[in-house]
């Protein structure tokens, strides 16, 4: 540490406060790292769940394309068109 300080001397107020603050910061960083790791694990879980639905979404997309090619109207777009017509007639 300081060359002029004796080995057996009690730590000064500054040194005690520095040690206390360093310990507090270290504890806070450990908590922060733990929370970041937990968040990372949750994100990885969500991503893996989302990937499980990719094949289902692709299947429904193909089904929608086939239905459109067959001439079956999309009920969602028909409903939106009806709502749009109601909105313009109400004005």
PDB file of N, CA and C in Angstrom:
ATOM      1  N   UNK A   1       0.834  -1.179   0.000  1.00  0.00           N
ATOM      2  CA  UNK A   1       0.000   0.000   0.000  1.00  0.00           C
ATOM      3  C   UNK A   1       0.880   1.243   0.000  1.00  0.00           C
ATOM      4  N   UNK A   2       0.753   2.095   0.989  1.00  0.00           N
ATOM      5  CA  UNK A   2       1.545   3.317   1.085  1.00  0.00           C
ATOM      6  C   UNK A   2       2.839   2.985   1.812  1.00  0.00           C
ATOM      7  N   UNK A   3       3.967   3.504   1.305  1.00  0.00           N
ATOM      8  CA  UNK A   3       5.273   3.176   1.886  1.00  0.00           C
ATOM      9  C   UNK A   3       5.441   3.752   3.277  1.00  0.00           C
ATOM     10  N   UNK A   4       4.817   4.902   3.560  1.00  0.00           N
ATOM     11  CA  UNK A   4       4.997   5.537   4.866  1.00  0.00           C
ATOM     12  C   UNK A   4       4.103   4.930   5.943  1.00  0.00           C
ATOM     13  N   UNK A   5       3.163   4.080   5.554  1.00  0.00           N
ATOM     14  CA  UNK A   5       2.247   3.482   6.536  1.00  0.00           C
ATOM     15  C   UNK A   5       2.903   2.264   7.180  1.00  0.00           C
ATOM     16  N   UNK A   6       2.763   2.156   8.480  1.00  0.00           N
ATOM     17  CA  UNK A   6       3.306   1.002   9.188  1.00  0.00           C
ATOM     18  C   UNK A   6       2.438  -0.213   8.902  1.00  0.00           C
ATOM     19  N   UNK A   7       3.051  -1.397   8.910  1.00  0.00           N
ATOM     20  CA  UNK A   7       2.324  -2.635   8.666  1.00  0.00           C
ATOM     21  C   UNK A   7       1.270  -2.905   9.732  1.00  0.00           C
ATOM     22  N   UNK A   8       1.560  -2.603  10.989  1.00  0.00           N
ATOM     23  CA  UNK A   8       0.648  -2.911  12.081  1.00  0.00           C
ATOM     24  C   UNK A   8      -0.352  -1.811  12.372  1.00  0.00           C
ATOM     25  N   UNK A   9      -0.296  -0.688  11.683  1.00  0.00           N
ATOM     26  CA  UNK A   9      -1.185   0.444  11.963  1.00  0.00           C
ATOM     27  C   UNK A   9      -2.606   0.133  11.511  1.00  0.00           C
ATOM     28  N   UNK A  10      -3.549   0.703  12.221  1.00  0.00           N
ATOM     29  CA  UNK A  10      -4.963   0.515  11.876  1.00  0.00           C
ATOM     30  C   UNK A  10      -5.268   1.258  10.581  1.00  0.00           C
ATOM     31  N   UNK A  11      -6.180   0.707   9.771  1.00  0.00           N
ATOM     32  CA  UNK A  11      -6.522   1.385   8.515  1.00  0.00           C
ATOM     33  C   UNK A  11      -7.185   2.739   8.789  1.00  0.00           C
ATOM     34  N   UNK A  12      -6.932   3.662   7.902  1.00  0.00           N
ATOM     35  CA  UNK A  12      -7.514   4.997   8.051  1.00  0.00           C
ATOM     36  C   UNK A  12      -8.979   4.962   7.630  1.00  0.00           C
ATOM     37  N   UNK A  13      -9.671   6.062   7.908  1.00  0.00           N
ATOM     38  CA  UNK A  13     -11.084   6.173   7.526  1.00  0.00           C
ATOM     39  C   UNK A  13     -11.232   5.991   6.018  1.00  0.00           C
ATOM     40  N   UNK A  14     -10.355   6.630   5.261  1.00  0.00           N
ATOM     41  CA  UNK A  14     -10.399   6.524   3.802  1.00  0.00           C
ATOM     42  C   UNK A  14     -10.268   5.074   3.358  1.00  0.00           C
ATOM     43  N   UNK A  15      -9.340   4.338   3.922  1.00  0.00           N
ATOM     44  CA  UNK A  15      -9.120   2.940   3.539  1.00  0.00           C
ATOM     45  C   UNK A  15     -10.311   2.068   3.901  1.00  0.00           C
ATOM     46  N   UNK A  16     -10.895   2.311   5.089  1.00  0.00           N
ATOM     47  CA  UNK A  16     -12.084   1.542   5.490  1.00  0.00           C
ATOM     48  C   UNK A  16     -13.249   1.813   4.532  1.00  0.00           C
ATOM     49  N   UNK A  17     -13.448   3.075   4.213  1.00  0.00           N
ATOM     50  CA  UNK A  17     -14.531   3.438   3.296  1.00  0.00           C
ATOM     51  C   UNK A  17     -14.286   2.869   1.905  1.00  0.00           C
ATOM     52  N   UNK A  18     -13.031   2.913   1.459  1.00  0.00           N
ATOM     53  CA  UNK A  18     -12.693   2.361   0.155  1.00  0.00           C
ATOM     54  C   UNK A  18     -13.002   0.870   0.119  1.00  0.00           C
ATOM     55  N   UNK A  19     -12.595   0.145   1.143  1.00  0.00           N
ATOM     56  CA  UNK A  19     -12.860  -1.293   1.214  1.00  0.00           C
ATOM     57  C   UNK A  19     -14.358  -1.578   1.255  1.00  0.00           C
ATOM     58  N   UNK A  20     -15.093  -0.768   2.025  1.00  0.00           N
ATOM     59  CA  UNK A  20     -16.542  -0.950   2.108  1.00  0.00           C
ATOM     60  C   UNK A  20     -17.192  -0.715   0.745  1.00  0.00           C
ATOM     61  N   UNK A  21     -16.783   0.355   0.077  1.00  0.00           N
ATOM     62  CA  UNK A  21     -17.354   0.666  -1.232  1.00  0.00           C
ATOM     63  C   UNK A  21     -16.969  -0.368  -2.285  1.00  0.00           C
ATOM     64  N   UNK A  22     -15.728  -0.840  -2.235  1.00  0.00           N
ATOM     65  CA  UNK A  22     -15.299  -1.875  -3.177  1.00  0.00           C
ATOM     66  C   UNK A  22     -16.122  -3.144  -2.961  1.00  0.00           C
ATOM     67  N   UNK A  23     -16.344  -3.512  -1.701  1.00  0.00           N
ATOM     68  CA  UNK A  23     -17.156  -4.699  -1.406  1.00  0.00           C
ATOM     69  C   UNK A  23     -18.595  -4.494  -1.871  1.00  0.00           C
ATOM     70  N   UNK A  24     -19.143  -3.307  -1.666  1.00  0.00           N
ATOM     71  CA  UNK A  24     -20.514  -3.014  -2.090  1.00  0.00           C
ATOM     72  C   UNK A  24     -20.634  -3.068  -3.612  1.00  0.00           C
ATOM     73  N   UNK A  25     -19.661  -2.489  -4.298  1.00  0.00           N
ATOM     74  CA  UNK A  25     -19.668  -2.512  -5.762  1.00  0.00           C
ATOM     75  C   UNK A  25     -19.527  -3.940  -6.273  1.00  0.00           C
ATOM     76  N   UNK A  26     -18.650  -4.718  -5.653  1.00  0.00           N
ATOM     77  CA  UNK A  26     -18.466  -6.113  -6.071  1.00  0.00           C
ATOM     78  C   UNK A  26     -19.757  -6.902  -5.891  1.00  0.00           C
ATOM     79  N   UNK A  27     -20.440  -6.696  -4.769  1.00  0.00           N
ATOM     80  CA  UNK A  27     -21.715  -7.375  -4.541  1.00  0.00           C
ATOM     81  C   UNK A  27     -22.764  -6.963  -5.553  1.00  0.00           C
ATOM     82  N   UNK A  28     -22.804  -5.670  -5.867  1.00  0.00           N
ATOM     83  CA  UNK A  28     -23.766  -5.182  -6.858  1.00  0.00           C
ATOM     84  C   UNK A  28     -23.471  -5.751  -8.238  1.00  0.00           C
ATOM     85  N   UNK A  29     -22.191  -5.842  -8.583  1.00  0.00           N
ATOM     86  CA  UNK A  29     -21.825  -6.419  -9.876  1.00  0.00           C
ATOM     87  C   UNK A  29     -22.191  -7.898  -9.949  1.00  0.00           C
ATOM     88  N   UNK A  30     -21.998  -8.626  -8.857  1.00  0.00           N
ATOM     89  CA  UNK A  30     -22.383 -10.034  -8.834  1.00  0.00           C
ATOM     90  C   UNK A  30     -23.884 -10.179  -9.045  1.00  0.00           C
ATOM     91  N   UNK A  31     -24.658  -9.314  -8.389  1.00  0.00           N
ATOM     92  CA  UNK A  31     -26.110  -9.335  -8.559  1.00  0.00           C
ATOM     93  C   UNK A  31     -26.480  -9.011 -10.001  1.00  0.00           C
ATOM     94  N   UNK A  32     -25.838  -8.000 -10.559  1.00  0.00           N
ATOM     95  CA  UNK A  32     -26.098  -7.600 -11.938  1.00  0.00           C
ATOM     96  C   UNK A  32     -25.782  -8.731 -12.907  1.00  0.00           C
ATOM     97  N   UNK A  33     -24.654  -9.377 -12.721  1.00  0.00           N
ATOM     98  CA  UNK A  33     -24.264 -10.485 -13.596  1.00  0.00           C
ATOM     99  C   UNK A  33     -25.245 -11.647 -13.455  1.00  0.00           C
ATOM    100  N   UNK A  34     -25.653 -11.936 -12.230  1.00  0.00           N
ATOM    101  CA  UNK A  34     -26.634 -12.999 -12.017  1.00  0.00           C
ATOM    102  C   UNK A  34     -27.954 -12.697 -12.706  1.00  0.00           C
ATOM    103  N   UNK A  35     -28.416 -11.446 -12.599  1.00  0.00           N
ATOM    104  CA  UNK A  35     -29.663 -11.060 -13.258  1.00  0.00           C
ATOM    105  C   UNK A  35     -29.528 -11.089 -14.776  1.00  0.00           C
ATOM    106  N   UNK A  36     -28.380 -10.664 -15.291  1.00  0.00           N
ATOM    107  CA  UNK A  36     -28.149 -10.708 -16.739  1.00  0.00           C
ATOM    108  C   UNK A  36     -28.140 -12.153 -17.234  1.00  0.00           C
ATOM    109  N   UNK A  37     -27.530 -13.048 -16.472  1.00  0.00           N
ATOM    110  CA  UNK A  37     -27.521 -14.465 -16.850  1.00  0.00           C
ATOM    111  C   UNK A  37     -28.928 -15.049 -16.827  1.00  0.00           C
ATOM    112  N   UNK A  38     -29.719 -14.682 -15.816  1.00  0.00           N
ATOM    113  CA  UNK A  38     -31.098 -15.168 -15.744  1.00  0.00           C
ATOM    114  C   UNK A  38     -31.908 -14.655 -16.927  1.00  0.00           C
ATOM    115  N   UNK A  39     -31.717 -13.391 -17.272  1.00  0.00           N
ATOM    116  CA  UNK A  39     -32.419 -12.821 -18.424  1.00  0.00           C
ATOM    117  C   UNK A  39     -31.997 -13.520 -19.707  1.00  0.00           C
ATOM    118  N   UNK A  40     -30.728 -13.803 -19.839  1.00  0.00           N
ATOM    119  CA  UNK A  40     -30.223 -14.502 -21.018  1.00  0.00           C
ATOM    120  C   UNK A  40     -30.844 -15.892 -21.133  1.00  0.00           C
ATOM    121  N   UNK A  41     -30.935 -16.601 -20.014  1.00  0.00           N
ATOM    122  CA  UNK A  41     -31.553 -17.931 -20.038  1.00  0.00           C
ATOM    123  C   UNK A  41     -33.014 -17.844 -20.459  1.00  0.00           C
ATOM    124  N   UNK A  42     -33.740 -16.847 -19.936  1.00  0.00           N
ATOM    125  CA  UNK A  42     -35.153 -16.684 -20.299  1.00  0.00           C
ATOM    126  C   UNK A  42     -35.298 -16.364 -21.782  1.00  0.00           C
ATOM    127  N   UNK A  43     -34.418 -15.506 -22.304  1.00  0.00           N
ATOM    128  CA  UNK A  43     -34.468 -15.188 -23.730  1.00  0.00           C
ATOM    129  C   UNK A  43     -34.190 -16.422 -24.581  1.00  0.00           C
ATOM    130  N   UNK A  44     -33.226 -17.224 -24.170  1.00  0.00           N
ATOM    131  CA  UNK A  44     -32.922 -18.448 -24.906  1.00  0.00           C
ATOM    132  C   UNK A  44     -34.112 -19.403 -24.880  1.00  0.00           C
ATOM    133  N   UNK A  45     -34.811 -19.481 -23.738  1.00  0.00           N
ATOM    134  CA  UNK A  45     -36.006 -20.318 -23.651  1.00  0.00           C
ATOM    135  C   UNK A  45     -37.082 -19.819 -24.603  1.00  0.00           C
ATOM    136  N   UNK A  46     -37.291 -18.507 -24.632  1.00  0.00           N
ATOM    137  CA  UNK A  46     -38.309 -17.931 -25.508  1.00  0.00           C
ATOM    138  C   UNK A  46     -37.966 -18.168 -26.973  1.00  0.00           C
ATOM    139  N   UNK A  47     -36.706 -18.033 -27.315  1.00  0.00           N
ATOM    140  CA  UNK A  47     -36.284 -18.258 -28.697  1.00  0.00           C
ATOM    141  C   UNK A  47     -36.511 -19.711 -29.086  1.00  0.00           C
ATOM    142  N   UNK A  48     -36.190 -20.635 -28.180  1.00  0.00           N
ATOM    143  CA  UNK A  48     -36.379 -22.053 -28.504  1.00  0.00           C
ATOM    144  C   UNK A  48     -37.858 -22.390 -28.638  1.00  0.00           C
ATOM    145  N   UNK A  49     -38.705 -21.771 -27.819  1.00  0.00           N
ATOM    146  CA  UNK A  49     -40.150 -21.993 -27.949  1.00  0.00           C
ATOM    147  C   UNK A  49     -40.626 -21.428 -29.281  1.00  0.00           C
ATOM    148  N   UNK A  50     -40.146 -20.240 -29.640  1.00  0.00           N
ATOM    149  CA  UNK A  50     -40.534 -19.623 -30.907  1.00  0.00           C
ATOM    150  C   UNK A  50     -40.125 -20.462 -32.100  1.00  0.00           C
ATOM    151  N   UNK A  51     -38.942 -21.074 -32.029  1.00  0.00           N
ATOM    152  CA  UNK A  51     -38.481 -21.919 -33.126  1.00  0.00           C
ATOM    153  C   UNK A  51     -39.371 -23.146 -33.279  1.00  0.00           C
ATOM    154  N   UNK A  52     -39.963 -23.591 -32.192  1.00  0.00           N
ATOM    155  CA  UNK A  52     -40.865 -24.733 -32.254  1.00  0.00           C
ATOM    156  C   UNK A  52     -42.118 -24.448 -33.060  1.00  0.00           C
ATOM    157  N   UNK A  53     -42.481 -23.173 -33.180  1.00  0.00           N
ATOM    158  CA  UNK A  53     -43.684 -22.801 -33.915  1.00  0.00           C
ATOM    159  C   UNK A  53     -43.404 -22.420 -35.362  1.00  0.00           C
ATOM    160  N   UNK A  54     -42.134 -22.389 -35.773  1.00  0.00           N
ATOM    161  CA  UNK A  54     -41.813 -22.016 -37.149  1.00  0.00           C
ATOM    162  C   UNK A  54     -42.435 -22.977 -38.148  1.00  0.00           C
ATOM    163  N   UNK A  55     -42.352 -24.269 -37.886  1.00  0.00           N
ATOM    164  CA  UNK A  55     -42.911 -25.240 -38.829  1.00  0.00           C
ATOM    165  C   UNK A  55     -44.428 -25.119 -38.901  1.00  0.00           C
ATOM    166  N   UNK A  56     -45.061 -24.827 -37.772  1.00  0.00           N
ATOM    167  CA  UNK A  56     -46.516 -24.654 -37.759  1.00  0.00           C
ATOM    168  C   UNK A  56     -46.900 -23.402 -38.536  1.00  0.00           C
ATOM    169  N   UNK A  57     -46.155 -22.324 -38.350  1.00  0.00           N
ATOM    170  CA  UNK A  57     -46.429 -21.084 -39.082  1.00  0.00           C
ATOM    171  C   UNK A  57     -46.239 -21.291 -40.580  1.00  0.00           C
ATOM    172  N   UNK A  58     -45.213 -22.035 -40.946  1.00  0.00           N
ATOM    173  CA  UNK A  58     -44.973 -22.322 -42.359  1.00  0.00           C
ATOM    174  C   UNK A  58     -46.115 -23.151 -42.937  1.00  0.00           C
ATOM    175  N   UNK A  59     -46.582 -24.135 -42.188  1.00  0.00           N
ATOM    176  CA  UNK A  59     -47.697 -24.962 -42.634  1.00  0.00           C
ATOM    177  C   UNK A  59     -48.953 -24.124 -42.854  1.00  0.00           C
ATOM    178  N   UNK A  60     -49.278 -23.241 -41.902  1.00  0.00           N
ATOM    179  CA  UNK A  60     -50.449 -22.376 -42.049  1.00  0.00           C
ATOM    180  C   UNK A  60     -50.269 -21.411 -43.212  1.00  0.00           C
ATOM    181  N   UNK A  61     -49.048 -20.954 -43.444  1.00  0.00           N
ATOM    182  CA  UNK A  61     -48.781 -20.079 -44.589  1.00  0.00           C
ATOM    183  C   UNK A  61     -49.037 -20.792 -45.900  1.00  0.00           C
ATOM    184  N   UNK A  62     -48.598 -22.027 -46.002  1.00  0.00           N
ATOM    185  CA  UNK A  62     -48.861 -22.820 -47.208  1.00  0.00           C
ATOM    186  C   UNK A  62     -50.354 -23.058 -47.384  1.00  0.00           C
ATOM    187  N   UNK A  63     -51.036 -23.359 -46.279  1.00  0.00           N
ATOM    188  CA  UNK A  63     -52.484 -23.578 -46.327  1.00  0.00           C
ATOM    189  C   UNK A  63     -53.186 -22.320 -46.828  1.00  0.00           C
ATOM    190  N   UNK A  64     -52.790 -21.169 -46.316  1.00  0.00           N
ATOM    191  CA  UNK A  64     -53.386 -19.900 -46.740  1.00  0.00           C
ATOM    192  C   UNK A  64     -53.140 -19.653 -48.221  1.00  0.00           C
ATOM    193  N   UNK A  65     -51.930 -19.949 -48.682  1.00  0.00           N
ATOM    194  CA  UNK A  65     -51.608 -19.771 -50.098  1.00  0.00           C
ATOM    195  C   UNK A  65     -52.465 -20.683 -50.962  1.00  0.00           C
ATOM    196  N   UNK A  66     -52.609 -21.933 -50.560  1.00  0.00           N
ATOM    197  CA  UNK A  66     -53.444 -22.875 -51.310  1.00  0.00           C
ATOM    198  C   UNK A  66     -54.898 -22.426 -51.344  1.00  0.00           C
ATOM    199  N   UNK A  67     -55.397 -21.948 -50.221  1.00  0.00           N
ATOM    200  CA  UNK A  67     -56.789 -21.493 -50.170  1.00  0.00           C
ATOM    201  C   UNK A  67     -56.986 -20.271 -51.067  1.00  0.00           C
ATOM    202  N   UNK A  68     -56.018 -19.379 -51.089  1.00  0.00           N
ATOM    203  CA  UNK A  68     -56.107 -18.192 -51.939  1.00  0.00           C
ATOM    204  C   UNK A  68     -56.055 -18.592 -53.409  1.00  0.00           C
ATOM    205  N   UNK A  69     -55.181 -19.540 -53.750  1.00  0.00           N
ATOM    206  CA  UNK A  69     -55.087 -20.013 -55.127  1.00  0.00           C
ATOM    207  C   UNK A  69     -56.364 -20.723 -55.554  1.00  0.00           C
ATOM    208  N   UNK A  70     -57.044 -21.368 -54.604  1.00  0.00           N
ATOM    209  CA  UNK A  70     -58.290 -22.067 -54.908  1.00  0.00           C
ATOM    210  C   UNK A  70     -59.465 -21.101 -55.021  1.00  0.00           C
ATOM    211  N   UNK A  71     -59.244 -19.832 -54.704  1.00  0.00           N
ATOM    212  CA  UNK A  71     -60.310 -18.843 -54.833  1.00  0.00           C
ATOM    213  C   UNK A  71     -61.129 -18.647 -53.574  1.00  0.00           C
ATOM    214  N   UNK A  72     -60.706 -19.228 -52.490  1.00  0.00           N
ATOM    215  CA  UNK A  72     -61.414 -19.050 -51.220  1.00  0.00           C
ATOM    216  C   UNK A  72     -60.977 -17.715 -50.626  1.00  0.00           C
ATOM    217  N   UNK A  73     -61.933 -16.823 -50.345  1.00  0.00           N
ATOM    218  CA  UNK A  73     -61.538 -15.522 -49.799  1.00  0.00           C
ATOM    219  C   UNK A  73     -60.983 -15.652 -48.384  1.00  0.00           C
ATOM    220  N   UNK A  74     -60.077 -14.776 -48.070  1.00  0.00           N
ATOM    221  CA  UNK A  74     -59.482 -14.737 -46.740  1.00  0.00           C
ATOM    222  C   UNK A  74     -60.480 -14.077 -45.796  1.00  0.00           C
ATOM    223  N   UNK A  75     -60.983 -14.793 -44.798  1.00  0.00           N
ATOM    224  CA  UNK A  75     -61.997 -14.198 -43.914  1.00  0.00           C
ATOM    225  C   UNK A  75     -61.475 -12.991 -43.141  1.00  0.00           C
ATOM    226  N   UNK A  76     -60.203 -12.957 -42.847  1.00  0.00           N
ATOM    227  CA  UNK A  76     -59.633 -11.822 -42.109  1.00  0.00           C
ATOM    228  C   UNK A  76     -59.654 -10.563 -42.966  1.00  0.00           C
ATOM    229  N   UNK A  77     -59.250 -10.680 -44.226  1.00  0.00           N
ATOM    230  CA  UNK A  77     -59.256  -9.496 -45.092  1.00  0.00           C
ATOM    231  C   UNK A  77     -60.679  -9.082 -45.426  1.00  0.00           C
ATOM    232  N   UNK A  78     -61.602 -10.039 -45.532  1.00  0.00           N
ATOM    233  CA  UNK A  78     -63.006  -9.694 -45.771  1.00  0.00           C
ATOM    234  C   UNK A  78     -63.576  -8.947 -44.573  1.00  0.00           C
ATOM    235  N   UNK A  79     -63.242  -9.371 -43.379  1.00  0.00           N
ATOM    236  CA  UNK A  79     -63.727  -8.692 -42.175  1.00  0.00           C
ATOM    237  C   UNK A  79     -63.171  -7.277 -42.107  1.00  0.00           C
ATOM    238  N   UNK A  80     -61.903  -7.127 -42.437  1.00  0.00           N
ATOM    239  CA  UNK A  80     -61.291  -5.792 -42.422  1.00  0.00           C
ATOM    240  C   UNK A  80     -61.945  -4.881 -43.456  1.00  0.00           C
ATOM    241  N   UNK A  81     -62.265  -5.430 -44.619  1.00  0.00           N
ATOM    242  CA  UNK A  81     -62.917  -4.633 -45.654  1.00  0.00           C
ATOM    243  C   UNK A  81     -64.292  -4.177 -45.183  1.00  0.00           C
ATOM    244  N   UNK A  82     -65.028  -5.075 -44.511  1.00  0.00           N
ATOM    245  CA  UNK A  82     -66.338  -4.702 -43.974  1.00  0.00           C
ATOM    246  C   UNK A  82     -66.205  -3.617 -42.917  1.00  0.00           C
ATOM    247  N   UNK A  83     -65.222  -3.745 -42.036  1.00  0.00           N
ATOM    248  CA  UNK A  83     -65.010  -2.729 -41.001  1.00  0.00           C
ATOM    249  C   UNK A  83     -64.628  -1.396 -41.623  1.00  0.00           C
ATOM    250  N   UNK A  84     -63.829  -1.428 -42.670  1.00  0.00           N
ATOM    251  CA  UNK A  84     -63.440  -0.203 -43.360  1.00  0.00           C
ATOM    252  C   UNK A  84     -64.633   0.458 -44.021  1.00  0.00           C
ATOM    253  N   UNK A  85     -65.535  -0.346 -44.585  1.00  0.00           N
ATOM    254  CA  UNK A  85     -66.735   0.205 -45.214  1.00  0.00           C
ATOM    255  C   UNK A  85     -67.641   0.824 -44.165  1.00  0.00           C
ATOM    256  N   UNK A  86     -67.743   0.198 -43.011  1.00  0.00           N
ATOM    257  CA  UNK A  86     -68.567   0.748 -41.931  1.00  0.00           C
ATOM    258  C   UNK A  86     -67.974   2.052 -41.422  1.00  0.00           C
ATOM    259  N   UNK A  87     -66.654   2.132 -41.333  1.00  0.00           N
ATOM    260  CA  UNK A  87     -65.998   3.345 -40.844  1.00  0.00           C
ATOM    261  C   UNK A  87     -66.226   4.516 -41.790  1.00  0.00           C
ATOM    262  N   UNK A  88     -66.156   4.276 -43.097  1.00  0.00           N
ATOM    263  CA  UNK A  88     -66.334   5.369 -44.053  1.00  0.00           C
ATOM    264  C   UNK A  88     -67.786   5.784 -44.160  1.00  0.00           C
ATOM    265  N   UNK A  89     -68.724   4.859 -43.983  1.00  0.00           N
ATOM    266  CA  UNK A  89     -70.144   5.222 -44.059  1.00  0.00           C
ATOM    267  C   UNK A  89     -70.604   5.945 -42.806  1.00  0.00           C
ATOM    268  N   UNK A  90     -69.923   5.751 -41.703  1.00  0.00           N
ATOM    269  CA  UNK A  90     -70.307   6.413 -40.454  1.00  0.00           C
ATOM    270  C   UNK A  90     -69.933   7.884 -40.475  1.00  0.00           C
ATOM    271  N   UNK A  91     -69.029   8.290 -41.366  1.00  0.00           N
ATOM    272  CA  UNK A  91     -68.577   9.695 -41.414  1.00  0.00           C
ATOM    273  C   UNK A  91     -69.512  10.506 -42.182  1.00  0.00           C
TER     274      UNK A  91
END
